[in-house]
Amino acid sequence: MNKSQVPIEFSWRAFATDREENEKKNRLNAQLSQEESEEKALLQNGDIDDDNDSLDSDDSYDATELKQKNERRKEKAIATLSRKY
């Protein structure tokens, strides 16, 4: 506790200057944007990993239903991706 007449302001900083901090933030944002773009490209190409297929027999679906099921799965994966980033 400071009992003197001189107020003291103190803060912890991870970077020496605001410029260093902003540069680090910009690099991290660029990296995250790149990762998001790569994952979105994989999803657009249809490379969706889903372990629920073992519970569902594809024999009961016709081609239209399978296409709709895959589209819903892709939309869900893209929505999840947007929340992730």
PDB file of N, CA and C in Angstrom:
ATOM      1  N   MET A   1       0.849  -1.170   0.000  1.00  0.00           N
ATOM      2  CA  MET A   1       0.000   0.000   0.000  1.00  0.00           C
ATOM      3  C   MET A   1       0.899   1.239   0.000  1.00  0.00           C
ATOM      4  N   ASN A   2       0.536   2.193  -0.827  1.00  0.00           N
ATOM      5  CA  ASN A   2       1.299   3.428  -0.959  1.00  0.00           C
ATOM      6  C   ASN A   2       0.713   4.475  -0.009  1.00  0.00           C
ATOM      7  N   LYS A   3       1.464   4.834   1.021  1.00  0.00           N
ATOM      8  CA  LYS A   3       0.987   5.820   1.996  1.00  0.00           C
ATOM      9  C   LYS A   3       1.599   7.198   1.759  1.00  0.00           C
ATOM     10  N   SER A   4       2.335   7.346   0.684  1.00  0.00           N
ATOM     11  CA  SER A   4       2.954   8.638   0.411  1.00  0.00           C
ATOM     12  C   SER A   4       1.984   9.563  -0.298  1.00  0.00           C
ATOM     13  N   GLN A   5       2.382  10.792  -0.487  1.00  0.00           N
ATOM     14  CA  GLN A   5       1.563  11.782  -1.179  1.00  0.00           C
ATOM     15  C   GLN A   5       1.718  11.690  -2.701  1.00  0.00           C
ATOM     16  N   VAL A   6       2.631  10.845  -3.162  1.00  0.00           N
ATOM     17  CA  VAL A   6       2.910  10.721  -4.594  1.00  0.00           C
ATOM     18  C   VAL A   6       2.168   9.493  -5.141  1.00  0.00           C
ATOM     19  N   PRO A   7       1.203   9.724  -6.020  1.00  0.00           N
ATOM     20  CA  PRO A   7       0.509   8.568  -6.605  1.00  0.00           C
ATOM     21  C   PRO A   7       1.430   7.803  -7.545  1.00  0.00           C
ATOM     22  N   ILE A   8       1.296   6.507  -7.519  1.00  0.00           N
ATOM     23  CA  ILE A   8       2.131   5.647  -8.360  1.00  0.00           C
ATOM     24  C   ILE A   8       1.219   4.832  -9.272  1.00  0.00           C
ATOM     25  N   GLU A   9       1.512   4.874 -10.549  1.00  0.00           N
ATOM     26  CA  GLU A   9       0.799   4.040 -11.513  1.00  0.00           C
ATOM     27  C   GLU A   9       1.769   2.986 -12.016  1.00  0.00           C
ATOM     28  N   PHE A  10       1.306   1.743 -12.020  1.00  0.00           N
ATOM     29  CA  PHE A  10       2.163   0.644 -12.438  1.00  0.00           C
ATOM     30  C   PHE A  10       1.327  -0.330 -13.255  1.00  0.00           C
ATOM     31  N   SER A  11       1.918  -0.858 -14.300  1.00  0.00           N
ATOM     32  CA  SER A  11       1.240  -1.892 -15.081  1.00  0.00           C
ATOM     33  C   SER A  11       2.276  -2.862 -15.633  1.00  0.00           C
ATOM     34  N   TRP A  12       1.877  -4.124 -15.718  1.00  0.00           N
ATOM     35  CA  TRP A  12       2.740  -5.149 -16.296  1.00  0.00           C
ATOM     36  C   TRP A  12       2.587  -5.114 -17.800  1.00  0.00           C
ATOM     37  N   ARG A  13       3.675  -5.223 -18.501  1.00  0.00           N
ATOM     38  CA  ARG A  13       3.645  -5.216 -19.963  1.00  0.00           C
ATOM     39  C   ARG A  13       4.483  -6.372 -20.484  1.00  0.00           C
ATOM     40  N   ALA A  14       3.960  -7.013 -21.486  1.00  0.00           N
ATOM     41  CA  ALA A  14       4.693  -8.108 -22.124  1.00  0.00           C
ATOM     42  C   ALA A  14       5.674  -7.580 -23.167  1.00  0.00           C
ATOM     43  N   PHE A  15       5.428  -6.363 -23.663  1.00  0.00           N
ATOM     44  CA  PHE A  15       6.260  -5.780 -24.716  1.00  0.00           C
ATOM     45  C   PHE A  15       6.798  -4.437 -24.237  1.00  0.00           C
ATOM     46  N   ALA A  16       7.954  -4.086 -24.753  1.00  0.00           N
ATOM     47  CA  ALA A  16       8.578  -2.828 -24.343  1.00  0.00           C
ATOM     48  C   ALA A  16       7.828  -1.621 -24.893  1.00  0.00           C
ATOM     49  N   THR A  17       7.303  -1.743 -26.108  1.00  0.00           N
ATOM     50  CA  THR A  17       6.600  -0.611 -26.720  1.00  0.00           C
ATOM     51  C   THR A  17       5.265  -1.075 -27.304  1.00  0.00           C
ATOM     52  N   ASP A  18       4.388  -0.103 -27.547  1.00  0.00           N
ATOM     53  CA  ASP A  18       3.109  -0.404 -28.187  1.00  0.00           C
ATOM     54  C   ASP A  18       3.326  -0.911 -29.609  1.00  0.00           C
ATOM     55  N   ARG A  19       4.367  -0.422 -30.246  1.00  0.00           N
ATOM     56  CA  ARG A  19       4.663  -0.856 -31.620  1.00  0.00           C
ATOM     57  C   ARG A  19       4.974  -2.355 -31.670  1.00  0.00           C
ATOM     58  N   GLU A  20       5.788  -2.835 -30.734  1.00  0.00           N
ATOM     59  CA  GLU A  20       6.110  -4.266 -30.680  1.00  0.00           C
ATOM     60  C   GLU A  20       4.842  -5.091 -30.447  1.00  0.00           C
ATOM     61  N   GLU A  21       4.005  -4.620 -29.540  1.00  0.00           N
ATOM     62  CA  GLU A  21       2.766  -5.329 -29.239  1.00  0.00           C
ATOM     63  C   GLU A  21       1.862  -5.396 -30.473  1.00  0.00           C
ATOM     64  N   ASN A  22       1.716  -4.278 -31.168  1.00  0.00           N
ATOM     65  CA  ASN A  22       0.876  -4.243 -32.369  1.00  0.00           C
ATOM     66  C   ASN A  22       1.435  -5.122 -33.484  1.00  0.00           C
ATOM     67  N   GLU A  23       2.770  -5.148 -33.637  1.00  0.00           N
ATOM     68  CA  GLU A  23       3.382  -6.015 -34.642  1.00  0.00           C
ATOM     69  C   GLU A  23       3.099  -7.474 -34.341  1.00  0.00           C
ATOM     70  N   LYS A  24       3.201  -7.869 -33.084  1.00  0.00           N
ATOM     71  CA  LYS A  24       2.927  -9.249 -32.685  1.00  0.00           C
ATOM     72  C   LYS A  24       1.456  -9.590 -32.940  1.00  0.00           C
ATOM     73  N   LYS A  25       0.553  -8.678 -32.580  1.00  0.00           N
ATOM     74  CA  LYS A  25      -0.872  -8.908 -32.822  1.00  0.00           C
ATOM     75  C   LYS A  25      -1.152  -9.067 -34.311  1.00  0.00           C
ATOM     76  N   ASN A  26      -0.543  -8.217 -35.116  1.00  0.00           N
ATOM     77  CA  ASN A  26      -0.757  -8.299 -36.571  1.00  0.00           C
ATOM     78  C   ASN A  26      -0.247  -9.609 -37.138  1.00  0.00           C
ATOM     79  N   ARG A  27       0.924 -10.073 -36.660  1.00  0.00           N
ATOM     80  CA  ARG A  27       1.453 -11.368 -37.121  1.00  0.00           C
ATOM     81  C   ARG A  27       0.514 -12.513 -36.728  1.00  0.00           C
ATOM     82  N   LEU A  28       0.010 -12.465 -35.494  1.00  0.00           N
ATOM     83  CA  LEU A  28      -0.898 -13.524 -35.048  1.00  0.00           C
ATOM     84  C   LEU A  28      -2.211 -13.498 -35.829  1.00  0.00           C
ATOM     85  N   ASN A  29      -2.737 -12.304 -36.085  1.00  0.00           N
ATOM     86  CA  ASN A  29      -3.968 -12.194 -36.874  1.00  0.00           C
ATOM     87  C   ASN A  29      -3.761 -12.721 -38.292  1.00  0.00           C
ATOM     88  N   ALA A  30      -2.621 -12.416 -38.879  1.00  0.00           N
ATOM     89  CA  ALA A  30      -2.323 -12.917 -40.229  1.00  0.00           C
ATOM     90  C   ALA A  30      -2.220 -14.440 -40.232  1.00  0.00           C
ATOM     91  N   GLN A  31      -1.581 -14.990 -39.209  1.00  0.00           N
ATOM     92  CA  GLN A  31      -1.445 -16.437 -39.102  1.00  0.00           C
ATOM     93  C   GLN A  31      -2.812 -17.099 -38.945  1.00  0.00           C
ATOM     94  N   LEU A  32      -3.665 -16.537 -38.084  1.00  0.00           N
ATOM     95  CA  LEU A  32      -4.998 -17.098 -37.889  1.00  0.00           C
ATOM     96  C   LEU A  32      -5.838 -16.999 -39.158  1.00  0.00           C
ATOM     97  N   SER A  33      -5.714 -15.899 -39.867  1.00  0.00           N
ATOM     98  CA  SER A  33      -6.452 -15.750 -41.124  1.00  0.00           C
ATOM     99  C   SER A  33      -6.007 -16.798 -42.140  1.00  0.00           C
ATOM    100  N   GLN A  34      -4.716 -17.048 -42.204  1.00  0.00           N
ATOM    101  CA  GLN A  34      -4.183 -18.062 -43.121  1.00  0.00           C
ATOM    102  C   GLN A  34      -4.696 -19.449 -42.753  1.00  0.00           C
ATOM    103  N   GLU A  35      -4.674 -19.775 -41.454  1.00  0.00           N
ATOM    104  CA  GLU A  35      -5.163 -21.078 -41.016  1.00  0.00           C
ATOM    105  C   GLU A  35      -6.654 -21.242 -41.312  1.00  0.00           C
ATOM    106  N   GLU A  36      -7.431 -20.172 -41.095  1.00  0.00           N
ATOM    107  CA  GLU A  36      -8.855 -20.228 -41.385  1.00  0.00           C
ATOM    108  C   GLU A  36      -9.092 -20.448 -42.878  1.00  0.00           C
ATOM    109  N   SER A  37      -8.336 -19.756 -43.718  1.00  0.00           N
ATOM    110  CA  SER A  37      -8.480 -19.914 -45.161  1.00  0.00           C
ATOM    111  C   SER A  37      -8.150 -21.338 -45.593  1.00  0.00           C
ATOM    112  N   GLU A  38      -7.103 -21.903 -45.027  1.00  0.00           N
ATOM    113  CA  GLU A  38      -6.718 -23.272 -45.377  1.00  0.00           C
ATOM    114  C   GLU A  38      -7.793 -24.266 -44.965  1.00  0.00           C
ATOM    115  N   GLU A  39      -8.317 -24.105 -43.743  1.00  0.00           N
ATOM    116  CA  GLU A  39      -9.352 -25.022 -43.283  1.00  0.00           C
ATOM    117  C   GLU A  39     -10.628 -24.875 -44.109  1.00  0.00           C
ATOM    118  N   LYS A  40     -10.977 -23.641 -44.457  1.00  0.00           N
ATOM    119  CA  LYS A  40     -12.174 -23.413 -45.264  1.00  0.00           C
ATOM    120  C   LYS A  40     -12.014 -24.034 -46.644  1.00  0.00           C
ATOM    121  N   ALA A  41     -10.810 -23.947 -47.215  1.00  0.00           N
ATOM    122  CA  ALA A  41     -10.547 -24.559 -48.517  1.00  0.00           C
ATOM    123  C   ALA A  41     -10.703 -26.078 -48.447  1.00  0.00           C
ATOM    124  N   LEU A  42     -10.226 -26.667 -47.366  1.00  0.00           N
ATOM    125  CA  LEU A  42     -10.393 -28.116 -47.191  1.00  0.00           C
ATOM    126  C   LEU A  42     -11.872 -28.484 -47.115  1.00  0.00           C
ATOM    127  N   LEU A  43     -12.639 -27.674 -46.376  1.00  0.00           N
ATOM    128  CA  LEU A  43     -14.069 -27.951 -46.261  1.00  0.00           C
ATOM    129  C   LEU A  43     -14.777 -27.794 -47.602  1.00  0.00           C
ATOM    130  N   GLN A  44     -14.407 -26.780 -48.371  1.00  0.00           N
ATOM    131  CA  GLN A  44     -15.029 -26.555 -49.668  1.00  0.00           C
ATOM    132  C   GLN A  44     -14.735 -27.695 -50.635  1.00  0.00           C
ATOM    133  N   ASN A  45     -13.576 -28.336 -50.461  1.00  0.00           N
ATOM    134  CA  ASN A  45     -13.211 -29.461 -51.321  1.00  0.00           C
ATOM    135  C   ASN A  45     -13.880 -30.758 -50.892  1.00  0.00           C
ATOM    136  N   GLY A  46     -14.590 -30.716 -49.772  1.00  0.00           N
ATOM    137  CA  GLY A  46     -15.323 -31.899 -49.325  1.00  0.00           C
ATOM    138  C   GLY A  46     -14.559 -32.795 -48.393  1.00  0.00           C
ATOM    139  N   ASP A  47     -13.429 -32.351 -47.888  1.00  0.00           N
ATOM    140  CA  ASP A  47     -12.636 -33.169 -46.965  1.00  0.00           C
ATOM    141  C   ASP A  47     -13.106 -32.940 -45.531  1.00  0.00           C
ATOM    142  N   ILE A  48     -14.263 -33.520 -45.202  1.00  0.00           N
ATOM    143  CA  ILE A  48     -14.838 -33.349 -43.868  1.00  0.00           C
ATOM    144  C   ILE A  48     -14.668 -34.655 -43.107  1.00  0.00           C
ATOM    145  N   ASP A  49     -14.061 -34.556 -41.942  1.00  0.00           N
ATOM    146  CA  ASP A  49     -13.910 -35.723 -41.079  1.00  0.00           C
ATOM    147  C   ASP A  49     -15.101 -35.784 -40.145  1.00  0.00           C
ATOM    148  N   ASP A  50     -15.826 -36.894 -40.182  1.00  0.00           N
ATOM    149  CA  ASP A  50     -16.980 -37.056 -39.310  1.00  0.00           C
ATOM    150  C   ASP A  50     -17.039 -38.508 -38.871  1.00  0.00           C
ATOM    151  N   ASP A  51     -17.007 -38.719 -37.573  1.00  0.00           N
ATOM    152  CA  ASP A  51     -17.011 -40.075 -37.033  1.00  0.00           C
ATOM    153  C   ASP A  51     -18.415 -40.629 -36.841  1.00  0.00           C
ATOM    154  N   ASN A  52     -19.451 -39.863 -37.151  1.00  0.00           N
ATOM    155  CA  ASN A  52     -20.819 -40.312 -36.959  1.00  0.00           C
ATOM    156  C   ASN A  52     -21.262 -41.292 -38.031  1.00  0.00           C
ATOM    157  N   ASP A  53     -20.497 -41.496 -39.080  1.00  0.00           N
ATOM    158  CA  ASP A  53     -20.887 -42.397 -40.153  1.00  0.00           C
ATOM    159  C   ASP A  53     -21.008 -43.840 -39.670  1.00  0.00           C
ATOM    160  N   SER A  54     -20.252 -44.217 -38.662  1.00  0.00           N
ATOM    161  CA  SER A  54     -20.313 -45.587 -38.187  1.00  0.00           C
ATOM    162  C   SER A  54     -21.665 -45.887 -37.533  1.00  0.00           C
ATOM    163  N   LEU A  55     -22.379 -44.863 -37.076  1.00  0.00           N
ATOM    164  CA  LEU A  55     -23.679 -45.068 -36.448  1.00  0.00           C
ATOM    165  C   LEU A  55     -24.814 -45.065 -37.454  1.00  0.00           C
ATOM    166  N   ASP A  56     -24.543 -44.640 -38.669  1.00  0.00           N
ATOM    167  CA  ASP A  56     -25.589 -44.440 -39.667  1.00  0.00           C
ATOM    168  C   ASP A  56     -25.263 -45.258 -40.912  1.00  0.00           C
ATOM    169  N   SER A  57     -26.161 -46.136 -41.308  1.00  0.00           N
ATOM    170  CA  SER A  57     -25.933 -46.945 -42.490  1.00  0.00           C
ATOM    171  C   SER A  57     -26.290 -46.151 -43.736  1.00  0.00           C
ATOM    172  N   ASP A  58     -25.351 -46.005 -44.649  1.00  0.00           N
ATOM    173  CA  ASP A  58     -25.587 -45.253 -45.875  1.00  0.00           C
ATOM    174  C   ASP A  58     -26.467 -46.018 -46.853  1.00  0.00           C
ATOM    175  N   ASP A  59     -26.770 -47.286 -46.588  1.00  0.00           N
ATOM    176  CA  ASP A  59     -27.613 -48.080 -47.479  1.00  0.00           C
ATOM    177  C   ASP A  59     -29.038 -47.539 -47.530  1.00  0.00           C
ATOM    178  N   SER A  60     -29.471 -46.857 -46.466  1.00  0.00           N
ATOM    179  CA  SER A  60     -30.851 -46.392 -46.402  1.00  0.00           C
ATOM    180  C   SER A  60     -31.059 -45.052 -47.107  1.00  0.00           C
ATOM    181  N   TYR A  61     -30.009 -44.435 -47.644  1.00  0.00           N
ATOM    182  CA  TYR A  61     -30.112 -43.143 -48.308  1.00  0.00           C
ATOM    183  C   TYR A  61     -29.993 -43.304 -49.819  1.00  0.00           C
ATOM    184  N   ASP A  62     -30.778 -42.525 -50.561  1.00  0.00           N
ATOM    185  CA  ASP A  62     -30.561 -42.490 -52.001  1.00  0.00           C
ATOM    186  C   ASP A  62     -29.569 -41.369 -52.308  1.00  0.00           C
ATOM    187  N   ALA A  63     -29.241 -41.177 -53.559  1.00  0.00           N
ATOM    188  CA  ALA A  63     -28.199 -40.212 -53.936  1.00  0.00           C
ATOM    189  C   ALA A  63     -28.558 -38.786 -53.527  1.00  0.00           C
ATOM    190  N   THR A  64     -29.814 -38.403 -53.687  1.00  0.00           N
ATOM    191  CA  THR A  64     -30.246 -37.051 -53.324  1.00  0.00           C
ATOM    192  C   THR A  64     -30.135 -36.826 -51.820  1.00  0.00           C
ATOM    193  N   GLU A  65     -30.562 -37.807 -51.049  1.00  0.00           N
ATOM    194  CA  GLU A  65     -30.478 -37.683 -49.595  1.00  0.00           C
ATOM    195  C   GLU A  65     -29.021 -37.623 -49.127  1.00  0.00           C
ATOM    196  N   LEU A  66     -28.170 -38.426 -49.742  1.00  0.00           N
ATOM    197  CA  LEU A  66     -26.750 -38.387 -49.385  1.00  0.00           C
ATOM    198  C   LEU A  66     -26.142 -37.028 -49.696  1.00  0.00           C
ATOM    199  N   LYS A  67     -26.523 -36.459 -50.846  1.00  0.00           N
ATOM    200  CA  LYS A  67     -26.011 -35.138 -51.219  1.00  0.00           C
ATOM    201  C   LYS A  67     -26.471 -34.087 -50.219  1.00  0.00           C
ATOM    202  N   GLN A  68     -27.750 -34.133 -49.834  1.00  0.00           N
ATOM    203  CA  GLN A  68     -28.279 -33.187 -48.849  1.00  0.00           C
ATOM    204  C   GLN A  68     -27.601 -33.364 -47.493  1.00  0.00           C
ATOM    205  N   LYS A  69     -27.388 -34.603 -47.115  1.00  0.00           N
ATOM    206  CA  LYS A  69     -26.725 -34.891 -45.841  1.00  0.00           C
ATOM    207  C   LYS A  69     -25.303 -34.319 -45.852  1.00  0.00           C
ATOM    208  N   ASN A  70     -24.591 -34.510 -46.935  1.00  0.00           N
ATOM    209  CA  ASN A  70     -23.230 -33.993 -47.038  1.00  0.00           C
ATOM    210  C   ASN A  70     -23.206 -32.466 -47.055  1.00  0.00           C
ATOM    211  N   GLU A  71     -24.191 -31.849 -47.722  1.00  0.00           N
ATOM    212  CA  GLU A  71     -24.280 -30.380 -47.736  1.00  0.00           C
ATOM    213  C   GLU A  71     -24.535 -29.836 -46.338  1.00  0.00           C
ATOM    214  N   ARG A  72     -25.438 -30.477 -45.591  1.00  0.00           N
ATOM    215  CA  ARG A  72     -25.712 -30.049 -44.209  1.00  0.00           C
ATOM    216  C   ARG A  72     -24.465 -30.204 -43.351  1.00  0.00           C
ATOM    217  N   ARG A  73     -23.755 -31.292 -43.539  1.00  0.00           N
ATOM    218  CA  ARG A  73     -22.523 -31.528 -42.783  1.00  0.00           C
ATOM    219  C   ARG A  73     -21.490 -30.455 -43.107  1.00  0.00           C
ATOM    220  N   LYS A  74     -21.372 -30.093 -44.389  1.00  0.00           N
ATOM    221  CA  LYS A  74     -20.426 -29.058 -44.809  1.00  0.00           C
ATOM    222  C   LYS A  74     -20.812 -27.693 -44.222  1.00  0.00           C
ATOM    223  N   GLU A  75     -22.110 -27.353 -44.267  1.00  0.00           N
ATOM    224  CA  GLU A  75     -22.580 -26.090 -43.703  1.00  0.00           C
ATOM    225  C   GLU A  75     -22.315 -26.015 -42.209  1.00  0.00           C
ATOM    226  N   LYS A  76     -22.543 -27.124 -41.524  1.00  0.00           N
ATOM    227  CA  LYS A  76     -22.290 -27.176 -40.079  1.00  0.00           C
ATOM    228  C   LYS A  76     -20.803 -27.002 -39.787  1.00  0.00           C
ATOM    229  N   ALA A  77     -19.961 -27.632 -40.584  1.00  0.00           N
ATOM    230  CA  ALA A  77     -18.516 -27.522 -40.382  1.00  0.00           C
ATOM    231  C   ALA A  77     -18.035 -26.098 -40.633  1.00  0.00           C
ATOM    232  N   ILE A  78     -18.579 -25.425 -41.647  1.00  0.00           N
ATOM    233  CA  ILE A  78     -18.186 -24.047 -41.936  1.00  0.00           C
ATOM    234  C   ILE A  78     -18.654 -23.116 -40.821  1.00  0.00           C
ATOM    235  N   ALA A  79     -19.861 -23.341 -40.290  1.00  0.00           N
ATOM    236  CA  ALA A  79     -20.354 -22.527 -39.175  1.00  0.00           C
ATOM    237  C   ALA A  79     -19.471 -22.717 -37.939  1.00  0.00           C
ATOM    238  N   THR A  80     -19.078 -23.950 -37.697  1.00  0.00           N
ATOM    239  CA  THR A  80     -18.188 -24.231 -36.576  1.00  0.00           C
ATOM    240  C   THR A  80     -16.841 -23.555 -36.778  1.00  0.00           C
ATOM    241  N   LEU A  81     -16.370 -23.566 -37.994  1.00  0.00           N
ATOM    242  CA  LEU A  81     -15.085 -22.933 -38.315  1.00  0.00           C
ATOM    243  C   LEU A  81     -15.135 -21.423 -38.068  1.00  0.00           C
ATOM    244  N   SER A  82     -16.234 -20.787 -38.451  1.00  0.00           N
ATOM    245  CA  SER A  82     -16.334 -19.337 -38.251  1.00  0.00           C
ATOM    246  C   SER A  82     -16.370 -18.985 -36.762  1.00  0.00           C
ATOM    247  N   ARG A  83     -16.987 -19.841 -35.948  1.00  0.00           N
ATOM    248  CA  ARG A  83     -16.969 -19.603 -34.501  1.00  0.00           C
ATOM    249  C   ARG A  83     -15.570 -19.836 -33.924  1.00  0.00           C
ATOM    250  N   LYS A  84     -14.878 -20.796 -34.481  1.00  0.00           N
ATOM    251  CA  LYS A  84     -13.530 -21.123 -34.000  1.00  0.00           C
ATOM    252  C   LYS A  84     -12.581 -19.948 -34.166  1.00  0.00           C
ATOM    253  N   TYR A  85     -12.641 -19.279 -35.302  1.00  0.00           N
ATOM    254  CA  TYR A  85     -11.719 -18.184 -35.563  1.00  0.00           C
ATOM    255  C   TYR A  85     -12.346 -16.849 -35.236  1.00  0.00           C
TER     256      TYR A  85
END
